[in-house]
C-alpha cells in the first residue's frame, strides 16, 4: 500500500507530549549567572516562518542523527555525574581540587559543570525533538526514498528509546562494551598467548581477524 506523502513524518515520528494553546511558561532567566551556563535565557515565544520556505523531508535525517547522538551524550554525561557525585572528596583530594598545572578545578565546580552539560544537552534534544515533530515537516510531496524513510524511522525509534532513560541506556551500553572487550581479550589470549591487546592491533582489526578465523 503506497504511503501518503502528507503523513511521511507522522508515521515514524510520534509526539511524546502535548502542548496547550496559549500556555504561559514562567522561566527563570539565568543568562547572567555564568556558573549556570547550561540554562541560558528563555527563548522566543514564537517563530517567524516564511510561507515560501519549503521544508524538504530529506533534511529530517541529519536532524534525527543529531538528536540521537546528543541523547547518547546526555546519557553518558548523566551517568558520569551520578558516579562523580558518589565519590567523597576526602578520598581523592587533600585540597578539594583535581588536575594539574593549567587544568586545576575545584571538585564542587566540576559537579556544577556536569549539571550544566546535562541541562544543555537536555534542552538541545528537546528542541530538536519538537522541531522534527512540527507540522511544517509534513511535506507536500514525497521527497524521501523508501530506504531513507526506513532509516529515519529507525534512527528516531532508537533516539526515543534512549530519551526514555538516557542514563540507563548509557550504563547498559558501557556494560556491553566491557563484556565485549573481555571477550576479545579472552579470544586474543587463546589465539596469541598472554600478549597485551594494545601491542597487537586495534579492537576493530582484532574483531575482523577473529571473526574471519572462527
N, C-alpha and C. Protein backbone atom coordinates (compact mmCIF):
# COMPACT_ATOMS: atom_id res chain seq x y z
N UNK A 1 0.85 -1.19 0.00
CA UNK A 1 0.00 0.00 0.00
C UNK A 1 0.88 1.24 0.00
N UNK A 2 0.71 2.15 -0.96
CA UNK A 2 1.56 3.35 -1.03
C UNK A 2 1.38 4.24 0.19
N UNK A 3 2.47 4.92 0.55
CA UNK A 3 2.45 5.81 1.70
C UNK A 3 1.98 7.20 1.28
N UNK A 4 1.04 7.75 1.99
CA UNK A 4 0.56 9.09 1.71
C UNK A 4 1.66 10.09 2.04
N UNK A 5 2.12 10.87 1.08
CA UNK A 5 3.20 11.83 1.34
C UNK A 5 2.91 12.77 2.50
N UNK A 6 1.65 13.07 2.74
CA UNK A 6 1.31 14.02 3.78
C UNK A 6 1.50 13.45 5.19
N UNK A 7 1.69 12.15 5.26
CA UNK A 7 1.87 11.57 6.60
C UNK A 7 3.21 10.85 6.73
N UNK A 8 4.17 11.24 5.89
CA UNK A 8 5.50 10.63 5.96
C UNK A 8 6.09 10.77 7.35
N UNK A 9 6.09 12.02 7.82
CA UNK A 9 6.68 12.27 9.14
C UNK A 9 5.84 11.66 10.25
N UNK A 10 4.52 11.78 10.14
CA UNK A 10 3.64 11.32 11.21
C UNK A 10 3.76 9.82 11.46
N UNK A 11 4.11 9.07 10.42
CA UNK A 11 4.19 7.61 10.56
C UNK A 11 5.39 7.16 11.38
N UNK A 12 6.49 7.92 11.37
CA UNK A 12 7.65 7.48 12.14
C UNK A 12 8.07 8.44 13.24
N UNK A 13 7.34 9.55 13.36
CA UNK A 13 7.60 10.48 14.45
C UNK A 13 6.31 10.66 15.24
N UNK A 14 6.30 10.30 16.49
CA UNK A 14 5.12 10.47 17.32
C UNK A 14 5.47 11.39 18.47
N UNK A 15 4.64 12.38 18.68
CA UNK A 15 4.90 13.32 19.75
C UNK A 15 4.71 12.63 21.09
N UNK A 16 5.63 12.90 22.00
CA UNK A 16 5.56 12.29 23.31
C UNK A 16 4.88 13.20 24.32
N UNK A 17 4.50 14.37 23.91
CA UNK A 17 3.83 15.27 24.83
C UNK A 17 2.91 16.19 24.07
N UNK A 18 1.99 16.78 24.74
CA UNK A 18 1.05 17.71 24.14
C UNK A 18 1.27 19.08 24.72
N UNK A 19 0.87 20.10 23.97
CA UNK A 19 1.01 21.48 24.41
C UNK A 19 -0.35 22.16 24.36
N UNK A 20 -0.58 23.03 25.29
CA UNK A 20 -1.84 23.76 25.35
C UNK A 20 -1.68 25.10 24.68
N UNK A 21 -2.60 25.42 23.78
CA UNK A 21 -2.53 26.70 23.08
C UNK A 21 -2.63 27.84 24.08
N UNK A 22 -1.76 28.81 23.91
CA UNK A 22 -1.79 29.97 24.80
C UNK A 22 -1.16 29.71 26.15
N UNK A 23 -0.46 28.60 26.28
CA UNK A 23 0.17 28.25 27.55
C UNK A 23 1.21 29.29 27.93
N UNK A 24 1.19 29.71 29.19
CA UNK A 24 2.15 30.69 29.69
C UNK A 24 3.19 29.96 30.53
N UNK A 25 4.44 30.11 30.16
CA UNK A 25 5.52 29.46 30.88
C UNK A 25 6.37 30.50 31.57
N UNK A 26 6.64 30.27 32.86
CA UNK A 26 7.49 31.17 33.62
C UNK A 26 8.87 30.51 33.75
N UNK A 27 9.83 31.08 33.06
CA UNK A 27 11.18 30.52 33.05
C UNK A 27 12.14 31.52 33.67
N UNK A 28 12.89 31.04 34.65
CA UNK A 28 13.86 31.91 35.31
C UNK A 28 15.01 32.20 34.36
N UNK A 29 15.32 33.47 34.19
CA UNK A 29 16.43 33.86 33.31
C UNK A 29 17.73 33.76 34.09
N UNK A 30 18.53 32.77 33.73
CA UNK A 30 19.80 32.55 34.41
C UNK A 30 20.98 32.94 33.52
N UNK A 31 20.70 33.67 32.45
CA UNK A 31 21.75 34.00 31.49
C UNK A 31 22.84 34.87 32.09
N UNK A 32 22.54 35.60 33.16
CA UNK A 32 23.55 36.47 33.78
C UNK A 32 24.44 35.71 34.76
N UNK A 33 24.05 34.50 35.12
CA UNK A 33 24.82 33.69 36.05
C UNK A 33 25.74 32.76 35.26
N UNK A 34 27.01 33.12 35.17
CA UNK A 34 27.95 32.36 34.36
C UNK A 34 28.20 30.96 34.90
N UNK A 35 27.90 30.73 36.18
CA UNK A 35 28.09 29.39 36.75
C UNK A 35 27.00 28.44 36.33
N UNK A 36 25.92 28.97 35.74
CA UNK A 36 24.81 28.15 35.30
C UNK A 36 24.57 28.36 33.81
N UNK A 37 25.62 28.23 33.03
CA UNK A 37 25.54 28.49 31.59
C UNK A 37 24.66 27.49 30.86
N UNK A 38 24.44 26.34 31.44
CA UNK A 38 23.65 25.32 30.77
C UNK A 38 22.19 25.69 30.59
N UNK A 39 21.71 26.61 31.42
CA UNK A 39 20.31 27.02 31.34
C UNK A 39 20.10 28.13 30.31
N UNK A 40 20.98 29.11 30.30
CA UNK A 40 20.83 30.21 29.35
C UNK A 40 19.57 31.02 29.63
N UNK A 41 19.19 31.83 28.68
CA UNK A 41 17.99 32.66 28.84
C UNK A 41 16.79 32.03 28.17
N UNK A 42 15.58 32.53 28.47
CA UNK A 42 14.38 31.99 27.83
C UNK A 42 14.38 32.29 26.34
N UNK A 43 13.95 31.34 25.55
CA UNK A 43 13.91 31.52 24.10
C UNK A 43 12.68 32.30 23.66
N UNK A 44 12.60 32.60 22.36
CA UNK A 44 11.44 33.34 21.83
C UNK A 44 10.16 32.55 22.05
N UNK A 45 9.05 33.25 22.16
CA UNK A 45 7.76 32.59 22.38
C UNK A 45 7.17 32.06 21.07
N UNK A 46 7.65 32.57 19.93
CA UNK A 46 7.16 32.09 18.65
C UNK A 46 8.21 32.34 17.57
N UNK A 47 8.02 31.69 16.41
CA UNK A 47 8.95 31.83 15.30
C UNK A 47 8.26 32.50 14.12
N UNK A 48 9.09 33.14 13.29
CA UNK A 48 8.59 33.74 12.06
C UNK A 48 9.06 32.89 10.90
N UNK A 49 8.14 32.14 10.30
CA UNK A 49 8.49 31.23 9.22
C UNK A 49 7.84 31.70 7.93
N UNK A 50 8.67 31.95 6.93
CA UNK A 50 8.16 32.41 5.64
C UNK A 50 7.34 31.32 4.96
N UNK A 51 6.21 31.69 4.39
CA UNK A 51 5.36 30.73 3.70
C UNK A 51 6.02 30.17 2.45
N UNK A 52 7.02 30.87 1.95
CA UNK A 52 7.70 30.41 0.73
C UNK A 52 8.77 29.37 1.01
N UNK A 53 9.12 29.19 2.29
CA UNK A 53 10.17 28.22 2.62
C UNK A 53 9.62 26.81 2.49
N UNK A 54 10.39 25.95 1.79
CA UNK A 54 9.96 24.57 1.58
C UNK A 54 10.71 23.66 2.56
N UNK A 55 9.96 22.97 3.40
CA UNK A 55 10.56 22.02 4.33
C UNK A 55 10.69 20.67 3.62
N UNK A 56 11.90 20.39 3.16
CA UNK A 56 12.16 19.17 2.41
C UNK A 56 12.42 18.02 3.40
N UNK A 57 11.62 16.98 3.30
CA UNK A 57 11.68 15.87 4.27
C UNK A 57 13.03 15.19 4.32
N UNK A 58 13.82 15.28 3.26
CA UNK A 58 15.12 14.60 3.26
C UNK A 58 16.07 15.20 4.28
N UNK A 59 15.79 16.41 4.75
CA UNK A 59 16.66 17.06 5.73
C UNK A 59 16.31 16.67 7.17
N UNK A 60 15.29 15.82 7.33
CA UNK A 60 14.96 15.34 8.67
C UNK A 60 16.05 14.38 9.17
N UNK A 61 16.64 13.61 8.26
CA UNK A 61 17.60 12.60 8.66
C UNK A 61 18.78 13.17 9.45
N UNK A 62 19.48 14.22 8.96
CA UNK A 62 20.59 14.76 9.76
C UNK A 62 20.13 15.32 11.10
N UNK A 63 18.91 15.85 11.15
CA UNK A 63 18.37 16.33 12.42
C UNK A 63 18.17 15.16 13.38
N UNK A 64 17.61 14.08 12.85
CA UNK A 64 17.37 12.90 13.68
C UNK A 64 18.69 12.30 14.18
N UNK A 65 19.70 12.27 13.31
CA UNK A 65 21.02 11.76 13.71
C UNK A 65 21.64 12.63 14.79
N UNK A 66 21.48 13.94 14.65
CA UNK A 66 21.99 14.87 15.66
C UNK A 66 21.33 14.62 17.00
N UNK A 67 20.01 14.45 16.97
CA UNK A 67 19.27 14.21 18.21
C UNK A 67 19.72 12.91 18.87
N UNK A 68 19.88 11.85 18.07
CA UNK A 68 20.31 10.57 18.63
C UNK A 68 21.69 10.68 19.27
N UNK A 69 22.63 11.33 18.58
CA UNK A 69 23.98 11.49 19.11
C UNK A 69 23.97 12.31 20.41
N UNK A 70 23.18 13.38 20.43
CA UNK A 70 23.11 14.23 21.61
C UNK A 70 22.47 13.49 22.79
N UNK A 71 21.48 12.65 22.50
CA UNK A 71 20.86 11.86 23.56
C UNK A 71 21.83 10.83 24.13
N UNK A 72 22.67 10.26 23.25
CA UNK A 72 23.71 9.35 23.72
C UNK A 72 24.67 10.08 24.65
N UNK A 73 25.07 11.28 24.23
CA UNK A 73 25.96 12.10 25.05
C UNK A 73 25.30 12.44 26.38
N UNK A 74 24.01 12.77 26.34
CA UNK A 74 23.28 13.09 27.56
C UNK A 74 23.29 11.92 28.52
N UNK A 75 23.10 10.72 27.99
CA UNK A 75 23.11 9.54 28.85
C UNK A 75 24.45 9.34 29.53
N UNK A 76 25.53 9.49 28.77
CA UNK A 76 26.86 9.29 29.35
C UNK A 76 27.23 10.39 30.34
N UNK A 77 26.83 11.63 30.04
CA UNK A 77 27.11 12.73 30.98
C UNK A 77 26.33 12.54 32.27
N UNK A 78 25.05 12.14 32.15
CA UNK A 78 24.24 11.89 33.34
C UNK A 78 24.84 10.77 34.18
N UNK A 79 25.34 9.73 33.51
CA UNK A 79 25.99 8.62 34.21
C UNK A 79 27.26 9.09 34.91
N UNK A 80 28.03 9.94 34.22
CA UNK A 80 29.27 10.47 34.81
C UNK A 80 28.96 11.31 36.04
N UNK A 81 27.90 12.12 35.95
CA UNK A 81 27.53 12.97 37.09
C UNK A 81 27.14 12.11 38.29
N UNK A 82 26.31 11.10 38.06
CA UNK A 82 25.87 10.23 39.15
C UNK A 82 27.06 9.56 39.83
N UNK A 83 28.00 9.08 39.03
CA UNK A 83 29.16 8.40 39.60
C UNK A 83 30.10 9.38 40.31
N UNK A 84 30.27 10.55 39.70
CA UNK A 84 31.20 11.53 40.27
C UNK A 84 30.69 12.05 41.62
N UNK A 85 29.38 12.24 41.73
CA UNK A 85 28.83 12.78 42.98
C UNK A 85 28.89 11.77 44.12
N UNK A 86 29.06 10.49 43.79
CA UNK A 86 29.16 9.47 44.82
C UNK A 86 30.57 9.37 45.40
N UNK A 87 31.53 10.01 44.73
CA UNK A 87 32.91 9.99 45.21
C UNK A 87 33.09 11.01 46.32
N UNK A 88 33.64 10.59 47.44
CA UNK A 88 33.90 11.52 48.54
C UNK A 88 35.18 12.29 48.26
N UNK A 89 35.08 13.61 48.33
CA UNK A 89 36.22 14.47 48.01
C UNK A 89 37.45 14.12 48.84
N UNK A 90 37.23 13.77 50.12
CA UNK A 90 38.36 13.49 51.01
C UNK A 90 39.16 12.26 50.58
N UNK A 91 38.52 11.42 49.77
CA UNK A 91 39.21 10.21 49.33
C UNK A 91 40.07 10.41 48.09
N UNK A 92 39.87 11.50 47.39
CA UNK A 92 40.61 11.70 46.14
C UNK A 92 41.39 13.02 46.10
N UNK A 93 41.17 13.89 47.11
CA UNK A 93 41.87 15.17 47.06
C UNK A 93 42.08 15.76 48.46
N UNK A 94 43.30 16.21 48.74
CA UNK A 94 43.57 16.82 50.05
C UNK A 94 43.16 18.30 50.10
N UNK A 95 42.97 18.92 48.93
CA UNK A 95 42.67 20.35 48.89
C UNK A 95 41.34 20.68 48.20
N UNK A 96 40.57 19.66 47.88
CA UNK A 96 39.28 19.90 47.23
C UNK A 96 39.39 20.20 45.75
N UNK A 97 40.58 19.97 45.17
CA UNK A 97 40.81 20.21 43.75
C UNK A 97 41.25 18.93 43.05
N UNK A 98 41.16 18.96 41.73
CA UNK A 98 41.69 17.88 40.90
C UNK A 98 42.44 18.50 39.72
N UNK A 99 43.30 17.71 39.11
CA UNK A 99 44.01 18.18 37.92
C UNK A 99 45.42 18.64 38.20
N UNK A 100 46.09 19.02 37.10
CA UNK A 100 47.46 19.51 37.20
C UNK A 100 47.57 20.94 36.72
N UNK A 101 48.78 21.43 36.64
CA UNK A 101 49.03 22.82 36.29
C UNK A 101 48.32 23.20 34.99
N UNK A 102 47.53 24.25 35.05
CA UNK A 102 46.79 24.72 33.90
C UNK A 102 45.42 24.09 33.76
N UNK A 103 45.18 23.00 34.49
CA UNK A 103 43.89 22.29 34.38
C UNK A 103 43.33 21.96 35.76
N UNK A 104 43.60 22.79 36.74
CA UNK A 104 43.12 22.56 38.10
C UNK A 104 41.70 23.10 38.25
N UNK A 105 40.84 22.28 38.82
CA UNK A 105 39.46 22.69 39.07
C UNK A 105 39.02 22.23 40.45
N UNK A 106 38.13 23.00 41.06
CA UNK A 106 37.52 22.59 42.31
C UNK A 106 36.53 21.46 42.02
N UNK A 107 36.48 20.51 42.91
CA UNK A 107 35.56 19.39 42.73
C UNK A 107 34.12 19.88 42.68
N UNK A 108 33.79 20.86 43.51
CA UNK A 108 32.43 21.41 43.51
C UNK A 108 32.09 22.05 42.17
N UNK A 109 33.08 22.72 41.56
CA UNK A 109 32.86 23.32 40.24
C UNK A 109 32.69 22.26 39.17
N UNK A 110 33.41 21.17 39.30
CA UNK A 110 33.31 20.08 38.32
C UNK A 110 31.91 19.45 38.37
N UNK A 111 31.37 19.31 39.57
CA UNK A 111 30.00 18.79 39.69
C UNK A 111 29.02 19.74 38.99
N UNK A 112 29.23 21.02 39.19
CA UNK A 112 28.34 22.02 38.58
C UNK A 112 28.48 21.99 37.05
N UNK A 113 29.69 21.77 36.56
CA UNK A 113 29.90 21.69 35.12
C UNK A 113 29.13 20.52 34.52
N UNK A 114 29.14 19.41 35.21
CA UNK A 114 28.42 18.24 34.71
C UNK A 114 26.91 18.50 34.69
N UNK A 115 26.41 19.19 35.72
CA UNK A 115 24.99 19.54 35.76
C UNK A 115 24.65 20.44 34.58
N UNK A 116 25.52 21.39 34.29
CA UNK A 116 25.30 22.28 33.15
C UNK A 116 25.27 21.50 31.84
N UNK A 117 26.18 20.53 31.70
CA UNK A 117 26.20 19.72 30.48
C UNK A 117 24.90 18.94 30.32
N UNK A 118 24.41 18.38 31.42
CA UNK A 118 23.15 17.63 31.39
C UNK A 118 22.01 18.54 30.96
N UNK A 119 21.93 19.72 31.56
CA UNK A 119 20.84 20.64 31.23
C UNK A 119 20.92 21.13 29.79
N UNK A 120 22.14 21.46 29.34
CA UNK A 120 22.31 21.95 27.97
C UNK A 120 21.91 20.88 26.95
N UNK A 121 22.36 19.65 27.16
CA UNK A 121 22.03 18.57 26.24
C UNK A 121 20.54 18.22 26.29
N UNK A 122 19.97 18.30 27.48
CA UNK A 122 18.55 18.02 27.62
C UNK A 122 17.72 19.04 26.85
N UNK A 123 18.06 20.32 27.00
CA UNK A 123 17.33 21.37 26.29
C UNK A 123 17.52 21.25 24.78
N UNK A 124 18.74 20.92 24.36
CA UNK A 124 19.03 20.80 22.93
C UNK A 124 18.22 19.67 22.30
N UNK A 125 18.19 18.51 22.97
CA UNK A 125 17.46 17.37 22.41
C UNK A 125 15.95 17.61 22.43
N UNK A 126 15.46 18.30 23.46
CA UNK A 126 14.03 18.63 23.49
C UNK A 126 13.66 19.54 22.31
N UNK A 127 14.54 20.49 22.02
CA UNK A 127 14.29 21.42 20.93
C UNK A 127 14.25 20.70 19.59
N UNK A 128 15.23 19.83 19.35
CA UNK A 128 15.26 19.10 18.07
C UNK A 128 14.08 18.15 17.97
N UNK A 129 13.71 17.53 19.08
CA UNK A 129 12.56 16.61 19.06
C UNK A 129 11.29 17.36 18.70
N UNK A 130 11.11 18.55 19.28
CA UNK A 130 9.94 19.36 18.94
C UNK A 130 9.97 19.76 17.47
N UNK A 131 11.16 20.07 16.97
CA UNK A 131 11.28 20.53 15.58
C UNK A 131 10.89 19.43 14.59
N UNK A 132 11.43 18.25 14.75
CA UNK A 132 11.15 17.20 13.77
C UNK A 132 9.73 16.67 13.90
N UNK A 133 9.06 17.00 14.99
CA UNK A 133 7.66 16.63 15.14
C UNK A 133 6.71 17.74 14.73
N UNK A 134 7.26 18.87 14.31
CA UNK A 134 6.43 20.02 13.95
C UNK A 134 5.63 19.75 12.67
N UNK A 135 4.42 20.30 12.58
CA UNK A 135 3.57 20.08 11.40
C UNK A 135 4.21 20.53 10.09
N UNK A 136 5.10 21.54 10.15
CA UNK A 136 5.64 22.03 8.88
C UNK A 136 6.58 21.04 8.21
N UNK A 137 6.93 19.96 8.89
CA UNK A 137 7.76 18.95 8.25
C UNK A 137 6.93 17.92 7.50
N UNK A 138 5.61 18.05 7.52
CA UNK A 138 4.77 17.19 6.68
C UNK A 138 4.86 17.71 5.26
N UNK A 139 5.58 17.03 4.38
CA UNK A 139 5.84 17.55 3.04
C UNK A 139 4.62 17.49 2.11
N UNK A 140 4.60 18.38 1.16
CA UNK A 140 3.53 18.39 0.18
C UNK A 140 3.74 17.32 -0.89
N UNK A 141 4.97 16.84 -1.01
CA UNK A 141 5.27 15.76 -1.95
C UNK A 141 6.37 14.89 -1.37
N UNK A 142 6.39 13.66 -1.80
CA UNK A 142 7.34 12.70 -1.25
C UNK A 142 8.74 12.98 -1.78
N UNK A 143 9.61 13.47 -0.93
CA UNK A 143 10.99 13.76 -1.34
C UNK A 143 11.96 12.77 -0.72
N UNK A 144 11.44 11.72 -0.10
CA UNK A 144 12.28 10.71 0.52
C UNK A 144 12.07 9.37 -0.17
N UNK A 145 13.15 8.63 -0.32
CA UNK A 145 13.05 7.28 -0.86
C UNK A 145 12.58 6.35 0.26
N UNK A 146 12.00 5.22 -0.08
CA UNK A 146 11.59 4.27 0.95
C UNK A 146 12.73 3.90 1.90
N UNK A 147 13.94 3.78 1.34
CA UNK A 147 15.09 3.44 2.17
C UNK A 147 15.38 4.54 3.18
N UNK A 148 15.31 5.81 2.72
CA UNK A 148 15.55 6.93 3.62
C UNK A 148 14.49 6.99 4.72
N UNK A 149 13.24 6.71 4.34
CA UNK A 149 12.15 6.71 5.32
C UNK A 149 12.40 5.67 6.40
N UNK A 150 12.82 4.48 5.96
CA UNK A 150 13.09 3.41 6.91
C UNK A 150 14.26 3.77 7.83
N UNK A 151 15.29 4.38 7.27
CA UNK A 151 16.46 4.77 8.06
C UNK A 151 16.08 5.81 9.10
N UNK A 152 15.31 6.81 8.68
CA UNK A 152 14.91 7.85 9.62
C UNK A 152 14.01 7.27 10.70
N UNK A 153 13.10 6.39 10.30
CA UNK A 153 12.21 5.76 11.28
C UNK A 153 13.02 5.01 12.33
N UNK A 154 14.03 4.28 11.88
CA UNK A 154 14.87 3.51 12.80
C UNK A 154 15.67 4.44 13.72
N UNK A 155 16.22 5.50 13.16
CA UNK A 155 17.00 6.46 13.96
C UNK A 155 16.15 7.08 15.04
N UNK A 156 14.93 7.50 14.66
CA UNK A 156 14.04 8.15 15.62
C UNK A 156 13.59 7.17 16.70
N UNK A 157 13.32 5.93 16.32
CA UNK A 157 12.94 4.93 17.31
C UNK A 157 14.07 4.68 18.30
N UNK A 158 15.31 4.64 17.80
CA UNK A 158 16.46 4.47 18.69
C UNK A 158 16.59 5.67 19.63
N UNK A 159 16.40 6.86 19.06
CA UNK A 159 16.52 8.08 19.87
C UNK A 159 15.44 8.12 20.95
N UNK A 160 14.23 7.72 20.59
CA UNK A 160 13.14 7.74 21.57
C UNK A 160 13.37 6.73 22.68
N UNK A 161 13.97 5.59 22.33
CA UNK A 161 14.30 4.59 23.35
C UNK A 161 15.33 5.14 24.33
N UNK A 162 16.31 5.87 23.81
CA UNK A 162 17.32 6.48 24.68
C UNK A 162 16.70 7.60 25.51
N UNK A 163 15.82 8.38 24.88
CA UNK A 163 15.18 9.52 25.54
C UNK A 163 14.38 9.10 26.77
N UNK A 164 13.83 7.88 26.73
CA UNK A 164 13.04 7.39 27.86
C UNK A 164 13.89 7.26 29.13
N UNK A 165 15.15 6.87 28.97
CA UNK A 165 16.05 6.71 30.12
C UNK A 165 17.50 6.84 29.65
N UNK A 166 17.98 8.06 29.40
CA UNK A 166 19.34 8.25 28.88
C UNK A 166 20.42 7.63 29.75
N UNK A 167 20.31 7.82 31.06
CA UNK A 167 21.34 7.29 31.96
C UNK A 167 21.33 5.77 31.98
N UNK A 168 20.14 5.19 32.00
CA UNK A 168 20.04 3.74 31.97
C UNK A 168 20.61 3.17 30.69
N UNK A 169 20.35 3.85 29.56
CA UNK A 169 20.90 3.40 28.28
C UNK A 169 22.42 3.45 28.32
N UNK A 170 22.98 4.53 28.88
CA UNK A 170 24.43 4.69 28.92
C UNK A 170 25.08 3.59 29.76
N UNK A 171 24.49 3.30 30.90
CA UNK A 171 25.05 2.27 31.77
C UNK A 171 25.00 0.89 31.10
N UNK A 172 23.89 0.61 30.42
CA UNK A 172 23.78 -0.66 29.71
C UNK A 172 24.78 -0.73 28.57
N UNK A 173 24.97 0.38 27.86
CA UNK A 173 25.93 0.44 26.77
C UNK A 173 27.34 0.21 27.26
N UNK A 174 27.68 0.80 28.40
CA UNK A 174 29.01 0.64 28.97
C UNK A 174 29.25 -0.80 29.41
N UNK A 175 28.22 -1.43 29.98
CA UNK A 175 28.34 -2.83 30.39
C UNK A 175 28.57 -3.74 29.19
N UNK A 176 27.83 -3.47 28.11
CA UNK A 176 28.00 -4.27 26.90
C UNK A 176 29.40 -4.08 26.32
N UNK A 177 29.91 -2.85 26.39
CA UNK A 177 31.25 -2.57 25.88
C UNK A 177 32.30 -3.32 26.69
N UNK A 178 32.14 -3.32 28.00
CA UNK A 178 33.09 -4.02 28.86
C UNK A 178 33.06 -5.52 28.61
N UNK A 179 31.85 -6.07 28.44
CA UNK A 179 31.71 -7.50 28.17
C UNK A 179 32.35 -7.86 26.83
N UNK A 180 32.13 -7.00 25.83
CA UNK A 180 32.71 -7.25 24.51
C UNK A 180 34.23 -7.21 24.58
N UNK A 181 34.76 -6.26 25.36
CA UNK A 181 36.22 -6.15 25.49
C UNK A 181 36.80 -7.37 26.18
N UNK A 182 36.11 -7.88 27.18
CA UNK A 182 36.58 -9.07 27.88
C UNK A 182 36.59 -10.28 26.96
N UNK A 183 35.56 -10.38 26.12
CA UNK A 183 35.51 -11.50 25.17
C UNK A 183 36.67 -11.42 24.17
N UNK A 184 36.97 -10.21 23.74
CA UNK A 184 38.08 -10.03 22.80
C UNK A 184 39.40 -10.42 23.44
N UNK A 185 39.61 -9.97 24.68
CA UNK A 185 40.86 -10.26 25.37
C UNK A 185 41.02 -11.77 25.60
N UNK A 186 39.91 -12.43 25.94
CA UNK A 186 39.97 -13.88 26.14
C UNK A 186 40.29 -14.59 24.83
N UNK A 187 39.65 -14.13 23.75
CA UNK A 187 39.89 -14.75 22.45
C UNK A 187 41.32 -14.51 21.98
N UNK A 188 41.82 -13.31 22.22
CA UNK A 188 43.19 -12.98 21.81
C UNK A 188 44.20 -13.79 22.60
N UNK A 189 43.94 -13.93 23.90
CA UNK A 189 44.86 -14.71 24.73
C UNK A 189 44.88 -16.17 24.30
N UNK A 190 43.70 -16.67 23.95
CA UNK A 190 43.62 -18.06 23.49
C UNK A 190 44.33 -18.24 22.15
N UNK A 191 44.26 -17.19 21.29
CA UNK A 191 44.84 -17.29 19.95
C UNK A 191 46.34 -16.99 19.93
N UNK A 192 46.74 -15.96 20.71
CA UNK A 192 48.12 -15.49 20.62
C UNK A 192 48.93 -15.67 21.90
N UNK A 193 48.30 -16.08 22.97
CA UNK A 193 49.01 -16.15 24.23
C UNK A 193 48.67 -14.96 25.11
N UNK A 194 49.54 -14.63 26.04
CA UNK A 194 49.26 -13.58 27.01
C UNK A 194 49.76 -12.20 26.60
N UNK A 195 50.00 -11.98 25.30
CA UNK A 195 50.46 -10.67 24.86
C UNK A 195 49.37 -9.63 25.07
N UNK A 196 49.74 -8.43 25.51
CA UNK A 196 48.73 -7.38 25.71
C UNK A 196 48.00 -7.05 24.42
N UNK A 197 46.72 -6.79 24.51
CA UNK A 197 45.91 -6.47 23.33
C UNK A 197 46.45 -5.24 22.62
N UNK A 198 46.88 -4.27 23.38
CA UNK A 198 47.34 -3.00 22.80
C UNK A 198 48.54 -3.18 21.88
N UNK A 199 49.34 -4.22 22.11
CA UNK A 199 50.54 -4.43 21.30
C UNK A 199 50.23 -5.14 19.99
N UNK A 200 49.04 -5.68 19.87
CA UNK A 200 48.71 -6.45 18.69
C UNK A 200 48.05 -5.63 17.60
N UNK A 201 46.95 -5.02 17.92
CA UNK A 201 46.21 -4.26 16.92
C UNK A 201 45.03 -3.56 17.58
N UNK A 202 44.36 -2.76 16.80
CA UNK A 202 43.18 -2.09 17.33
C UNK A 202 42.06 -3.09 17.51
N UNK A 203 41.06 -2.69 18.28
CA UNK A 203 39.94 -3.59 18.54
C UNK A 203 39.24 -3.98 17.23
N UNK A 204 39.08 -3.02 16.33
CA UNK A 204 38.39 -3.30 15.07
C UNK A 204 39.15 -4.34 14.25
N UNK A 205 40.46 -4.18 14.20
CA UNK A 205 41.27 -5.14 13.44
C UNK A 205 41.18 -6.52 14.07
N UNK A 206 41.23 -6.58 15.40
CA UNK A 206 41.14 -7.86 16.10
C UNK A 206 39.79 -8.54 15.84
N UNK A 207 38.74 -7.75 15.88
CA UNK A 207 37.42 -8.30 15.62
C UNK A 207 37.34 -8.92 14.23
N UNK A 208 37.87 -8.21 13.25
CA UNK A 208 37.85 -8.72 11.88
C UNK A 208 38.65 -10.02 11.77
N UNK A 209 39.80 -10.03 12.43
CA UNK A 209 40.65 -11.22 12.36
C UNK A 209 39.96 -12.41 13.01
N UNK A 210 39.43 -12.19 14.23
CA UNK A 210 38.81 -13.28 14.96
C UNK A 210 37.56 -13.79 14.27
N UNK A 211 36.76 -12.87 13.73
CA UNK A 211 35.54 -13.27 13.04
C UNK A 211 35.87 -14.07 11.77
N UNK A 212 36.98 -13.71 11.12
CA UNK A 212 37.34 -14.38 9.89
C UNK A 212 38.01 -15.73 10.10
N UNK A 213 38.42 -16.00 11.33
CA UNK A 213 39.13 -17.25 11.61
C UNK A 213 38.36 -18.19 12.56
N UNK A 214 37.10 -17.88 12.80
CA UNK A 214 36.32 -18.75 13.67
C UNK A 214 35.62 -19.82 12.85
